[in-house]
Amino acid sequence: MPFEFKRLKINDVILVTPKVFGDSRGFFLESYQKSEFYKNGIDVEFCQDNHSKSVKGVLRGLHYQKNPKAQAKLVRCSKGKIFDVAVDIRKKSPTFGKWVGEILSEDNKNMLYIPAGFAHGFIVLSDEAELLYKASNEYSPENDRGIRWNDPDINVQWGVDYDELNNNLIISDKDAKQPYLKEICEEDLF
């Protein structure tokens, strides 16, 4: 099997480790194989691929799209290193408002599957990082939503010292002004 699938503390979020074939020339890996992903509970159709580049200290998120354009995502870091986070925003879930996070890097080549019903964010830990991710719905500005990155009720531990984080954080005005989870209206959640 070309992948290992590990369910995290929030069972629907899955860490995917590809099998890497390396030698003196470099390496080869499969980053997606529909049949293997389907056999392991990731049975969504991806329809959009995204590529972003960010510098150290950039924090993007926490983003999601509401129904009917909700997005599942398969995220990987092809250059550099990030701490990637998924927050459960499914109202009836026993893990509502909880988060999980994983280091994704060019070295470990891991991917994170984040189903619809979760907000997603990351912080760049290396000098720069590039992310490639698949989405199960196309971007929809009218359904685009977010949650404040430092919501105290969620309490994401971003994997860096908070003094360092606050002094070196690079965040968009939009992300800095996102509402807290408790401020989001019911129809914008899952």
Foldseek 3Di string as FASTA:
>chain_A
DQWDWDQDPPRVKIKIFGHWADDPVGIDTDLDDQVVCVVVPNNFDFDDKDKDKDFAQEKDFQKFFAPPQTKKKKKAWQAAKKKKKKAAQAVPDPRHLEMDIDMHHNVRRMIMIGGGRIGIMMGGHHRMIMMMMTIRGDDDVVRMAGAAPCQVSHHDPRPDDVVCSVVRHDYDPVNNPGHHSVPDDPSSGD
